[in-house]
């Protein structure tokens, strides 16, 4: 973002077709380089305890949810169900 505010709304597209956003606080328009919408939380999956990268669900084991991080580490968490 080009400002320090986090309250933004979609504001059309630029000439390359990228989504534009406008800050509700200061009015600045910008394009996100990361491809994520502003203000939306990342997934609910936990970060890897070994390398702190994001994770995806990878089945269940002994009543616990199993996860795999982006770097290939496997770890377990308490089941949400």
C-alpha atoms as a PDB file:
ATOM      1  CA  UNK A   1       0.000   0.000   0.000  1.00  0.00           C
ATOM      2  CA  UNK A   2       1.046   3.548  -0.449  1.00  0.00           C
ATOM      3  CA  UNK A   3      -0.378   4.711   2.897  1.00  0.00           C
ATOM      4  CA  UNK A   4      -0.368   3.322   6.434  1.00  0.00           C
ATOM      5  CA  UNK A   5      -4.145   2.833   6.614  1.00  0.00           C
ATOM      6  CA  UNK A   6      -5.769  -0.560   6.212  1.00  0.00           C
ATOM      7  CA  UNK A   7      -9.358   0.423   5.333  1.00  0.00           C
ATOM      8  CA  UNK A   8      -9.544   0.202   1.529  1.00  0.00           C
ATOM      9  CA  UNK A   9     -12.211  -0.522  -1.072  1.00  0.00           C
ATOM     10  CA  UNK A  10     -12.062  -1.725  -4.667  1.00  0.00           C
ATOM     11  CA  UNK A  11     -11.816   1.166  -7.114  1.00  0.00           C
ATOM     12  CA  UNK A  12     -11.871  -0.191 -10.688  1.00  0.00           C
ATOM     13  CA  UNK A  13      -8.953  -1.529 -12.740  1.00  0.00           C
ATOM     14  CA  UNK A  14      -5.832   0.015 -14.250  1.00  0.00           C
ATOM     15  CA  UNK A  15      -4.874  -0.206 -17.947  1.00  0.00           C
ATOM     16  CA  UNK A  16      -3.146  -3.564 -17.387  1.00  0.00           C
ATOM     17  CA  UNK A  17      -6.326  -5.003 -15.846  1.00  0.00           C
ATOM     18  CA  UNK A  18      -5.033  -5.053 -12.259  1.00  0.00           C
ATOM     19  CA  UNK A  19      -7.483  -4.336  -9.432  1.00  0.00           C
ATOM     20  CA  UNK A  20      -7.237  -0.783  -8.067  1.00  0.00           C
ATOM     21  CA  UNK A  21      -8.015   0.052  -4.446  1.00  0.00           C
ATOM     22  CA  UNK A  22      -8.763   3.379  -2.742  1.00  0.00           C
ATOM     23  CA  UNK A  23      -8.006   4.116   0.906  1.00  0.00           C
ATOM     24  CA  UNK A  24     -11.148   5.247   2.733  1.00  0.00           C
ATOM     25  CA  UNK A  25      -9.091   7.318   5.187  1.00  0.00           C
ATOM     26  CA  UNK A  26      -6.762   9.338   2.936  1.00  0.00           C
ATOM     27  CA  UNK A  27      -8.238   8.747  -0.558  1.00  0.00           C
ATOM     28  CA  UNK A  28      -5.033   7.458  -2.160  1.00  0.00           C
ATOM     29  CA  UNK A  29      -5.441   4.934  -4.991  1.00  0.00           C
ATOM     30  CA  UNK A  30      -3.051   1.986  -5.325  1.00  0.00           C
ATOM     31  CA  UNK A  31      -2.490  -1.502  -6.744  1.00  0.00           C
ATOM     32  CA  UNK A  32      -1.518  -4.363  -4.443  1.00  0.00           C
ATOM     33  CA  UNK A  33       1.578  -6.206  -5.595  1.00  0.00           C
ATOM     34  CA  UNK A  34       0.864  -9.277  -3.469  1.00  0.00           C
ATOM     35  CA  UNK A  35      -2.474 -10.037  -5.125  1.00  0.00           C
ATOM     36  CA  UNK A  36      -4.311 -10.069  -1.782  1.00  0.00           C
ATOM     37  CA  UNK A  37      -7.219  -7.797  -0.984  1.00  0.00           C
ATOM     38  CA  UNK A  38      -6.484  -5.250   1.758  1.00  0.00           C
ATOM     39  CA  UNK A  39      -7.874  -5.888   5.190  1.00  0.00           C
ATOM     40  CA  UNK A  40      -8.711  -9.531   4.544  1.00  0.00           C
ATOM     41  CA  UNK A  41      -7.155 -11.863   7.069  1.00  0.00           C
ATOM     42  CA  UNK A  42      -4.935 -14.650   5.872  1.00  0.00           C
ATOM     43  CA  UNK A  43      -6.186 -18.206   6.220  1.00  0.00           C
ATOM     44  CA  UNK A  44      -7.066 -19.588   9.615  1.00  0.00           C
ATOM     45  CA  UNK A  45      -4.408 -22.273   9.375  1.00  0.00           C
ATOM     46  CA  UNK A  46      -1.568 -21.884  11.873  1.00  0.00           C
ATOM     47  CA  UNK A  47       1.966 -20.850  10.982  1.00  0.00           C
ATOM     48  CA  UNK A  48       4.598 -23.558  10.942  1.00  0.00           C
ATOM     49  CA  UNK A  49       6.305 -23.830  14.371  1.00  0.00           C
ATOM     50  CA  UNK A  50       9.609 -24.694  12.640  1.00  0.00           C
ATOM     51  CA  UNK A  51       9.925 -22.003   9.955  1.00  0.00           C
ATOM     52  CA  UNK A  52       6.901 -19.681  10.535  1.00  0.00           C
ATOM     53  CA  UNK A  53       5.607 -20.021   6.962  1.00  0.00           C
ATOM     54  CA  UNK A  54       1.945 -20.532   5.998  1.00  0.00           C
ATOM     55  CA  UNK A  55       0.357 -23.972   6.063  1.00  0.00           C
ATOM     56  CA  UNK A  56      -2.409 -26.053   4.471  1.00  0.00           C
ATOM     57  CA  UNK A  57      -4.511 -28.836   5.973  1.00  0.00           C
ATOM     58  CA  UNK A  58      -3.106 -32.288   5.272  1.00  0.00           C
ATOM     59  CA  UNK A  59      -5.501 -34.840   6.808  1.00  0.00           C
ATOM     60  CA  UNK A  60      -6.002 -36.015  10.375  1.00  0.00           C
ATOM     61  CA  UNK A  61      -3.902 -38.104  12.715  1.00  0.00           C
ATOM     62  CA  UNK A  62      -4.925 -39.346  16.203  1.00  0.00           C
ATOM     63  CA  UNK A  63      -7.825 -36.867  16.429  1.00  0.00           C
ATOM     64  CA  UNK A  64      -5.667 -33.891  15.522  1.00  0.00           C
ATOM     65  CA  UNK A  65      -5.661 -31.831  12.337  1.00  0.00           C
ATOM     66  CA  UNK A  66      -2.437 -32.359  10.402  1.00  0.00           C
ATOM     67  CA  UNK A  67      -0.799 -29.469   8.487  1.00  0.00           C
ATOM     68  CA  UNK A  68       1.988 -29.113   5.912  1.00  0.00           C
ATOM     69  CA  UNK A  69       3.838 -25.828   5.537  1.00  0.00           C
ATOM     70  CA  UNK A  70       5.085 -24.270   2.306  1.00  0.00           C
ATOM     71  CA  UNK A  71       8.580 -25.597   3.030  1.00  0.00           C
ATOM     72  CA  UNK A  72       7.440 -29.208   3.437  1.00  0.00           C
ATOM     73  CA  UNK A  73       7.385 -29.522   7.248  1.00  0.00           C
ATOM     74  CA  UNK A  74       4.522 -31.522   8.772  1.00  0.00           C
ATOM     75  CA  UNK A  75       2.963 -30.706  12.140  1.00  0.00           C
ATOM     76  CA  UNK A  76      -0.274 -31.324  14.058  1.00  0.00           C
ATOM     77  CA  UNK A  77      -2.792 -29.067  15.740  1.00  0.00           C
ATOM     78  CA  UNK A  78      -5.870 -29.606  17.860  1.00  0.00           C
ATOM     79  CA  UNK A  79      -8.919 -30.451  15.774  1.00  0.00           C
ATOM     80  CA  UNK A  80     -11.480 -27.662  15.363  1.00  0.00           C
ATOM     81  CA  UNK A  81     -14.320 -30.207  14.963  1.00  0.00           C
END
